Structure formats: structure tokens, C-alpha cells
Amino acid sequence: METKEEKLQKEVDELSKKLYHMHKEKGENLQLKQQLEHNNKIIEQLQKSTKTVYVAKERPFIKLSGRPEKDKDPIISDWLEDAREHLVTIPDEKAKIDFLMQNLISPAKDEIRLRPLLERDSAAKILLLIHSIYDGDDSVSQLQQLFFQRNQKENETLQDYSLNLMKIFDQINKRDNTVLGDKDKVLKDRFIEGIKEPHLKREVKRFSYEHKTMKFLEFRQEVLLWVNENTQSWKVKLQMQDAEVVSNQAIKSEHTSKDNSEIY
């Protein structure tokens, strides 16, 4: 049986153990706190010393050769606007100049390269040169030519074809809104004349004649809906009509030949 002294000694031992563990945990917590403070200081130093990284946009940037002559050629004003957006992501002036020169191809590249250095020693000056050379008043005639020569291409949808016409028209209108005249009429006429399929062109022309006052956007939407809903039926119908026309012409020709032979 334990004596009173032994019990007290046992309680003292237990308290000593608890105190030991408490001091140990406190020491570990203190060490952990110090480590965290140290890590935070390192993070702050890294944040202060790290430079901002500029990431160029991933969307493709079309190279410029001069005034647009083909559908794939960029419109000058559009190219200039895209170039300015890209240049915002480039902090260094030399890198900006390199970017512009890399996205120019002859003859546009030669036009800039052969200018005096003082006229092309900054990105802003290069953009100004491109604008003055290719985006002046004389570019209106180039765009007009592009507009009136633009026809629907092989495998090109009516939607894509008409969008391209609208884009060119807007570019001309931005420079001189008196050149082409009535937007709805001009777009409608050019759209119809450029349709590749003769049968469809005839039907669209008839629809246009029946809806002379319809705005181009509404007219275009109606045509696209009609074509989508009647792609097969209108082709069959028009082919039958053409066959009938050819047959009637053949019969008429045969009768004419027979009449002539009877005369002789």
C-alpha cells in the first residue's frame, strides 16, 4: 500500500512530465512560427524583385504586304488597330520595332526599311508611315475595285460571301461615305451579281425585285433562311425549269428548220 509521501511523489512526477511536454510543444510552435515568418519574408522579397512578364496574344497576326488585293489580305486600318493592341503587351521599344518589321513583308517591308532611320526609329513612327503610305485617300479606289470584283468563291457559303462584302463596304464608307451611295441598294446588287450558282442568282434576283424596299440585312437573312430550307428542292425545281427551256428551244429550232426545208 502506497504511503502518503509516495502518492505525492507520483503526482509530482506526473506534473513534471506534463510541464516537460508543454515546454516542448511550446518550443516546437515557436520554431514553426519563426520558420513561417522567415518564409513570408522570402516571399515578400521575391515579389518585390520579380518583374512583370508580358505575354503576347495567341491569336494569329496576319503579315502586311501593302494595300489589300485579295480576300486574305488584311485591311490596312484593321491591321494597324491589331498592331497597336499587340504592341501594348511589349514593354521594350526595340522589341516593338522588331515585332512590326517581322510582320511586314515586301513591298511594305521595303518601304519602311528604305526610309531614313529617323523616320522609323520607333514603333509609333513605323505605324504612322504605314498609315500615310497605304491608308490614305488613294486606298479608297483600291477598296472599290476589290468590292466590285468580289464574287462568291468555290465552296464559299452565301453567309461568308455576304459578310466579306459588308466588311469591304464598311471600310470604304469609313474613308468616304459618299463614294458608293445607297448602302442597301449597292450591297444588294453586288451580292446578287456575285452569286456563283446561276439558278440561285435568278431566284434571288426575282426575290429582290419583289422586295425592292427591303433593307440589305433583312434581305440577306431571308435569302439565307430560304436557301437553308430549300437547298435540295430549289435545285431540282430550277434544273427541271432549265430542262424545259432547253426542250422548248430544241422544238422551236426543229420547227424552224422544217419550215425552212419546206420553203426550198
Protein backbone atom coordinates (compact mmCIF):
# COMPACT_ATOMS: atom_id res chain seq x y z
CA MET A 1 0.00 0.00 0.00
CA GLU A 2 1.32 3.41 -1.08
CA THR A 3 2.22 5.85 1.56
CA LYS A 4 1.16 9.46 1.50
CA GLU A 5 4.67 10.53 0.52
CA GLU A 6 4.75 8.06 -2.39
CA LYS A 7 1.44 9.35 -3.73
CA LEU A 8 2.66 12.93 -3.57
CA GLN A 9 5.86 11.95 -5.33
CA LYS A 10 3.87 10.23 -8.07
CA GLU A 11 1.72 13.34 -8.58
CA VAL A 12 4.83 15.49 -8.74
CA ASP A 13 6.32 13.18 -11.38
CA GLU A 14 3.14 13.38 -13.46
CA LEU A 15 3.12 17.16 -13.24
CA SER A 16 6.77 17.27 -14.26
CA LYS A 17 6.05 15.16 -17.33
CA LYS A 18 3.14 17.42 -18.30
CA LEU A 19 5.26 20.52 -17.86
CA TYR A 20 8.02 18.96 -19.94
CA HIS A 21 5.64 18.18 -22.81
CA MET A 22 4.09 21.65 -22.59
CA HIS A 23 7.50 23.30 -22.85
CA LYS A 24 8.44 21.01 -25.71
CA GLU A 25 5.26 21.81 -27.67
CA LYS A 26 5.74 25.49 -26.98
CA GLY A 27 9.27 25.29 -28.31
CA GLU A 28 8.10 23.47 -31.44
CA ASN A 29 5.34 26.01 -32.00
CA LEU A 30 7.83 28.83 -31.55
CA GLN A 31 10.15 27.18 -34.06
CA LEU A 32 7.29 26.72 -36.52
CA LYS A 33 6.25 30.34 -36.08
CA GLN A 34 9.81 31.51 -36.73
CA GLN A 35 10.00 29.34 -39.86
CA LEU A 36 6.74 30.75 -41.19
CA GLU A 37 7.91 34.31 -40.57
CA HIS A 38 11.14 33.52 -42.41
CA ASN A 39 9.24 32.05 -45.38
CA ASN A 40 6.96 35.08 -45.55
CA LYS A 41 9.98 37.39 -45.69
CA ILE A 42 11.43 35.39 -48.61
CA ILE A 43 8.09 35.56 -50.46
CA GLU A 44 7.92 39.32 -49.97
CA GLN A 45 11.46 39.74 -51.31
CA LEU A 46 10.65 37.60 -54.36
CA GLN A 47 7.52 39.62 -55.06
CA LYS A 48 9.46 42.87 -54.93
CA SER A 49 12.24 41.62 -57.21
CA THR A 50 10.06 39.79 -59.77
CA LYS A 51 9.42 41.73 -63.00
CA THR A 52 6.09 41.76 -64.79
CA VAL A 53 6.04 39.25 -67.64
CA TYR A 54 4.27 40.38 -70.81
CA VAL A 55 2.63 37.55 -72.74
CA ALA A 56 1.79 38.21 -76.36
CA LYS A 57 -1.69 37.38 -77.57
CA GLU A 58 -2.03 33.92 -79.04
CA ARG A 59 -4.38 34.83 -81.86
CA PRO A 60 -2.62 34.88 -85.24
CA PHE A 61 -1.31 38.16 -86.59
CA ILE A 62 -1.51 38.46 -90.38
CA LYS A 63 1.55 39.84 -92.14
CA LEU A 64 1.09 43.00 -94.18
CA SER A 65 2.42 43.39 -97.71
CA GLY A 66 0.60 46.57 -98.71
CA ARG A 67 -2.86 47.55 -99.91
CA PRO A 68 -5.33 44.66 -99.97
CA GLU A 69 -5.64 42.97 -103.36
CA LYS A 70 -7.01 39.58 -102.32
CA ASP A 71 -9.57 38.45 -99.76
CA LYS A 72 -6.91 37.12 -97.43
CA ASP A 73 -5.03 40.44 -97.42
CA PRO A 74 -5.72 42.47 -94.27
CA ILE A 75 -7.46 45.84 -94.47
CA ILE A 76 -4.87 48.49 -93.54
CA SER A 77 -6.91 50.13 -90.77
CA ASP A 78 -7.70 46.73 -89.24
CA TRP A 79 -4.03 45.73 -89.35
CA LEU A 80 -2.97 48.98 -87.69
CA GLU A 81 -5.56 48.53 -84.94
CA ASP A 82 -4.44 44.92 -84.28
CA ALA A 83 -0.79 46.00 -84.29
CA ARG A 84 -1.44 48.63 -81.61
CA GLU A 85 -3.19 46.04 -79.43
CA HIS A 86 -0.19 43.70 -79.72
CA LEU A 87 2.33 46.44 -79.03
CA VAL A 88 0.70 47.17 -75.66
CA THR A 89 1.95 43.77 -74.46
CA ILE A 90 5.57 44.54 -75.44
CA PRO A 91 7.46 46.76 -72.95
CA ASP A 92 10.71 47.31 -74.86
CA GLU A 93 10.82 49.81 -77.76
CA LYS A 94 13.33 47.79 -79.78
CA ALA A 95 11.18 44.69 -79.35
CA LYS A 96 8.19 46.65 -80.62
CA ILE A 97 10.08 47.70 -83.74
CA ASP A 98 11.26 44.11 -84.29
CA PHE A 99 7.69 42.85 -83.94
CA LEU A 100 6.40 45.27 -86.59
CA MET A 101 9.21 44.52 -89.03
CA GLN A 102 8.72 40.78 -88.58
CA ASN A 103 5.07 41.20 -89.52
CA LEU A 104 5.76 43.19 -92.67
CA ILE A 105 6.59 41.53 -95.98
CA SER A 106 7.64 43.08 -99.27
CA PRO A 107 6.82 45.54 -100.66
CA ALA A 108 5.60 47.08 -97.38
CA LYS A 109 8.73 45.94 -95.54
CA ASP A 110 10.98 47.53 -98.16
CA GLU A 111 9.00 50.78 -97.97
CA ILE A 112 9.81 51.07 -94.27
CA ARG A 113 13.36 49.73 -94.43
CA LEU A 114 14.42 52.23 -97.10
CA ARG A 115 13.19 55.24 -95.14
CA PRO A 116 15.72 57.33 -93.17
CA LEU A 117 16.41 55.91 -89.72
CA LEU A 118 14.99 58.99 -88.00
CA GLU A 119 11.62 58.26 -89.64
CA ARG A 120 11.48 54.65 -88.41
CA ASP A 121 13.29 54.58 -85.05
CA SER A 122 10.13 53.93 -83.04
CA ALA A 123 7.04 51.74 -83.35
CA ALA A 124 4.80 54.82 -83.44
CA LYS A 125 6.71 56.28 -86.38
CA ILE A 126 6.50 52.99 -88.31
CA LEU A 127 2.75 52.81 -87.79
CA LEU A 128 2.43 56.42 -88.95
CA LEU A 129 4.43 55.61 -92.09
CA ILE A 130 2.23 52.62 -92.89
CA HIS A 131 -0.86 54.76 -92.44
CA SER A 132 0.43 57.56 -94.65
CA ILE A 133 1.64 55.19 -97.41
CA TYR A 134 -1.21 52.70 -97.57
CA ASP A 135 -4.19 54.07 -95.68
CA GLY A 136 -4.61 57.41 -97.41
CA ASP A 137 -7.31 58.65 -99.80
CA ASP A 138 -5.98 56.63 -102.72
CA SER A 139 -6.76 53.39 -100.83
CA VAL A 140 -10.47 54.08 -101.43
CA SER A 141 -10.13 53.28 -105.13
CA GLN A 142 -8.30 50.06 -104.25
CA LEU A 143 -11.12 49.01 -101.94
CA GLN A 144 -13.73 49.95 -104.51
CA GLN A 145 -12.05 47.72 -107.04
CA LEU A 146 -11.90 44.91 -104.50
CA PHE A 147 -15.60 45.37 -103.72
CA PHE A 148 -16.91 45.34 -107.29
CA GLN A 149 -14.72 42.43 -108.31
CA ARG A 150 -15.69 40.32 -105.30
CA ASN A 151 -17.74 37.29 -106.32
CA GLN A 152 -18.73 34.17 -104.43
CA LYS A 153 -15.92 31.62 -104.50
CA GLU A 154 -15.95 27.89 -104.94
CA ASN A 155 -17.26 26.19 -101.77
CA GLU A 156 -17.87 29.58 -100.13
CA THR A 157 -21.21 29.93 -98.35
CA LEU A 158 -23.54 32.81 -99.08
CA GLN A 159 -23.15 33.89 -95.47
CA ASP A 160 -19.35 34.17 -95.68
CA TYR A 161 -19.53 35.81 -99.11
CA SER A 162 -22.01 38.46 -97.96
CA LEU A 163 -20.06 39.14 -94.75
CA ASN A 164 -16.96 39.83 -96.80
CA LEU A 165 -18.86 42.30 -98.98
CA MET A 166 -20.21 44.08 -95.91
CA LYS A 167 -16.74 44.34 -94.42
CA ILE A 168 -15.24 45.89 -97.56
CA PHE A 169 -18.18 48.29 -97.88
CA ASP A 170 -17.71 49.49 -94.29
CA GLN A 171 -14.00 50.09 -94.88
CA ILE A 172 -14.81 52.24 -97.91
CA ASN A 173 -17.55 54.07 -96.02
CA LYS A 174 -15.19 54.92 -93.15
CA ARG A 175 -12.94 56.77 -95.59
CA ASP A 176 -15.59 58.36 -97.76
CA ASN A 177 -19.30 57.77 -97.18
CA THR A 178 -20.26 59.45 -100.46
CA VAL A 179 -18.41 57.10 -102.82
CA LEU A 180 -20.79 54.13 -103.03
CA GLY A 181 -24.13 55.77 -102.38
CA ASP A 182 -27.16 53.88 -101.02
CA LYS A 183 -25.72 51.13 -98.82
CA ASP A 184 -28.70 48.77 -99.05
CA LYS A 185 -29.04 49.01 -102.82
CA VAL A 186 -25.31 48.75 -103.54
CA LEU A 187 -24.83 45.77 -101.25
CA LYS A 188 -27.94 44.05 -102.58
CA ASP A 189 -26.92 44.50 -106.23
CA ARG A 190 -23.31 43.42 -105.65
CA PHE A 191 -24.42 40.44 -103.55
CA ILE A 192 -26.79 39.19 -106.27
CA GLU A 193 -24.36 39.70 -109.14
CA GLY A 194 -21.63 37.80 -107.35
CA ILE A 195 -23.66 34.66 -106.58
CA LYS A 196 -21.94 31.74 -108.24
CA GLU A 197 -24.90 29.43 -108.89
CA PRO A 198 -26.91 30.78 -111.90
CA HIS A 199 -30.19 29.16 -110.78
CA LEU A 200 -29.90 30.63 -107.30
CA LYS A 201 -28.88 34.01 -108.67
CA ARG A 202 -32.04 34.12 -110.77
CA GLU A 203 -34.26 33.26 -107.81
CA VAL A 204 -32.58 35.81 -105.52
CA LYS A 205 -32.87 38.47 -108.22
CA ARG A 206 -36.58 37.73 -108.51
CA PHE A 207 -36.96 37.97 -104.73
CA SER A 208 -35.11 41.29 -104.75
CA TYR A 209 -37.42 42.66 -107.45
CA GLU A 210 -40.44 41.68 -105.36
CA HIS A 211 -38.99 43.32 -102.22
CA LYS A 212 -37.34 46.49 -103.50
CA THR A 213 -37.65 48.44 -100.25
CA MET A 214 -36.26 45.70 -98.01
CA LYS A 215 -33.05 46.62 -96.15
CA PHE A 216 -29.99 44.57 -97.06
CA LEU A 217 -29.58 42.88 -93.67
CA GLU A 218 -33.19 41.73 -93.68
CA PHE A 219 -32.93 40.75 -97.35
CA ARG A 220 -29.76 38.77 -96.65
CA GLN A 221 -31.34 36.98 -93.69
CA GLU A 222 -34.40 36.00 -95.74
CA VAL A 223 -32.23 34.66 -98.56
CA LEU A 224 -30.04 32.63 -96.18
CA LEU A 225 -33.09 31.13 -94.47
CA TRP A 226 -34.71 30.31 -97.79
CA VAL A 227 -31.57 28.66 -99.13
CA ASN A 228 -31.08 26.60 -95.95
CA GLU A 229 -34.67 25.37 -96.04
CA ASN A 230 -34.86 24.71 -99.79
CA THR A 231 -31.35 23.67 -100.76
CA GLN A 232 -32.43 20.47 -102.50
CA SER A 233 -35.92 21.42 -103.65
CA TRP A 234 -34.95 24.64 -105.43
CA LYS A 235 -32.09 22.91 -107.25
CA VAL A 236 -34.38 20.17 -108.55
CA LYS A 237 -37.08 22.68 -109.48
CA LEU A 238 -34.72 25.01 -111.31
CA GLN A 239 -32.99 22.17 -113.11
CA MET A 240 -36.39 21.00 -114.32
CA GLN A 241 -37.19 24.52 -115.47
CA ASP A 242 -33.90 24.74 -117.34
CA ALA A 243 -34.53 21.36 -118.95
CA GLU A 244 -37.95 22.57 -120.06
CA VAL A 245 -36.45 25.74 -121.53
CA VAL A 246 -33.83 23.74 -123.42
CA SER A 247 -36.52 21.35 -124.68
CA ASN A 248 -38.72 24.21 -125.89
CA GLN A 249 -35.76 25.79 -127.66
CA ALA A 250 -34.98 22.48 -129.34
CA ILE A 251 -38.60 22.07 -130.50
CA LYS A 252 -38.67 25.64 -131.81
CA SER A 253 -35.40 25.11 -133.63
CA GLU A 254 -36.70 21.89 -135.15
CA HIS A 255 -39.87 23.62 -136.37
CA THR A 256 -37.84 26.45 -137.84
CA SER A 257 -35.61 24.01 -139.71
CA LYS A 258 -38.65 22.11 -141.01
CA ASP A 259 -40.31 25.33 -142.22
CA ASN A 260 -37.14 26.37 -144.00
CA SER A 261 -36.83 22.99 -145.71
CA GLU A 262 -40.44 23.22 -146.96
CA ILE A 263 -39.72 26.61 -148.46
CA TYR A 264 -36.89 25.18 -150.51
